[in-house]
């Protein structure tokens, strides 16, 4: 029985990938990692929380918060037009 298994294993075709000395068509480059920028943010408690993000994430965050602040100012201006101070 052992002899039959050994013969079967020897005669079974095994797929072997041909090795070539060519370099791969496209080398995978590791993306350049951006340096994290950390900020202290007020989160509603007495202690500020340190938050770290990439520069791109902080630009997006700053844009969102600036838009929200501008919308608040616009609403305030619409409600106070014509009202004496």
Protein backbone atom coordinates (compact mmCIF):
# COMPACT_ATOMS: atom_id res chain seq x y z
CA UNK A 1 0.00 0.00 0.00
CA UNK A 2 2.79 2.43 0.85
CA UNK A 3 4.37 1.66 -2.50
CA UNK A 4 1.18 2.64 -4.38
CA UNK A 5 0.93 5.96 -2.52
CA UNK A 6 4.56 6.76 -3.26
CA UNK A 7 4.12 5.96 -6.97
CA UNK A 8 0.92 7.99 -7.12
CA UNK A 9 2.64 10.99 -5.56
CA UNK A 10 5.59 10.75 -7.91
CA UNK A 11 3.41 10.47 -11.00
CA UNK A 12 1.01 13.26 -10.00
CA UNK A 13 1.79 16.43 -11.99
CA UNK A 14 2.74 19.36 -9.80
CA UNK A 15 2.30 22.90 -11.10
CA UNK A 16 5.53 24.79 -10.70
CA UNK A 17 5.76 28.41 -11.72
CA UNK A 18 8.74 29.11 -13.94
CA UNK A 19 11.19 31.41 -12.28
CA UNK A 20 12.48 34.26 -14.35
CA UNK A 21 15.07 36.88 -13.65
CA UNK A 22 12.83 39.67 -14.97
CA UNK A 23 11.75 42.40 -12.63
CA UNK A 24 8.02 42.72 -12.09
CA UNK A 25 6.28 44.99 -14.61
CA UNK A 26 5.13 47.43 -11.95
CA UNK A 27 7.00 47.81 -8.70
CA UNK A 28 4.75 48.43 -5.74
CA UNK A 29 5.84 51.62 -4.08
CA UNK A 30 5.01 52.21 -0.48
CA UNK A 31 2.96 55.37 -0.12
CA UNK A 32 4.72 58.22 1.59
CA UNK A 33 3.33 58.42 5.07
CA UNK A 34 2.29 61.88 6.14
CA UNK A 35 3.43 63.13 9.48
CA UNK A 36 0.63 63.29 12.02
CA UNK A 37 -0.25 66.68 13.48
CA UNK A 38 -1.62 66.65 17.01
CA UNK A 39 -3.95 69.29 18.46
CA UNK A 40 -5.56 69.77 21.84
CA UNK A 41 -9.32 69.92 21.46
CA UNK A 42 -12.03 70.83 23.94
CA UNK A 43 -14.41 67.90 24.24
CA UNK A 44 -16.81 69.19 26.85
CA UNK A 45 -14.83 68.27 29.94
CA UNK A 46 -12.32 70.25 31.94
CA UNK A 47 -9.42 68.50 30.30
CA UNK A 48 -8.62 68.92 26.62
CA UNK A 49 -8.19 65.80 24.52
CA UNK A 50 -5.19 65.36 22.25
CA UNK A 51 -6.25 64.43 18.70
CA UNK A 52 -3.75 63.43 15.99
CA UNK A 53 -4.55 63.46 12.26
CA UNK A 54 -2.77 63.88 8.96
CA UNK A 55 -2.46 67.32 7.40
CA UNK A 56 -5.11 66.46 4.81
CA UNK A 57 -7.57 65.39 7.51
CA UNK A 58 -6.98 68.61 9.45
CA UNK A 59 -7.57 70.71 6.28
CA UNK A 60 -10.88 68.90 5.76
CA UNK A 61 -11.83 69.38 9.43
CA UNK A 62 -10.94 73.07 9.33
CA UNK A 63 -13.02 73.53 6.17
CA UNK A 64 -16.05 71.88 7.75
CA UNK A 65 -15.80 73.92 10.94
CA UNK A 66 -15.23 77.16 9.00
CA UNK A 67 -18.33 76.45 6.88
CA UNK A 68 -20.38 75.79 10.00
CA UNK A 69 -19.20 79.00 11.62
CA UNK A 70 -20.03 80.98 8.47
CA UNK A 71 -23.52 79.49 8.35
CA UNK A 72 -24.07 80.46 11.97
CA UNK A 73 -22.95 84.04 11.27
CA UNK A 74 -25.23 84.22 8.21
CA UNK A 75 -28.25 83.05 10.19
CA UNK A 76 -27.45 85.56 12.95
CA UNK A 77 -27.19 88.39 10.41
CA UNK A 78 -30.56 87.46 8.86
CA UNK A 79 -32.29 87.49 12.22
CA UNK A 80 -30.79 90.80 13.37
CA UNK A 81 -31.37 92.90 10.23
CA UNK A 82 -33.45 95.94 11.04
CA UNK A 83 -33.33 95.35 14.78
CA UNK A 84 -31.87 98.32 16.70
CA UNK A 85 -29.06 97.44 19.01
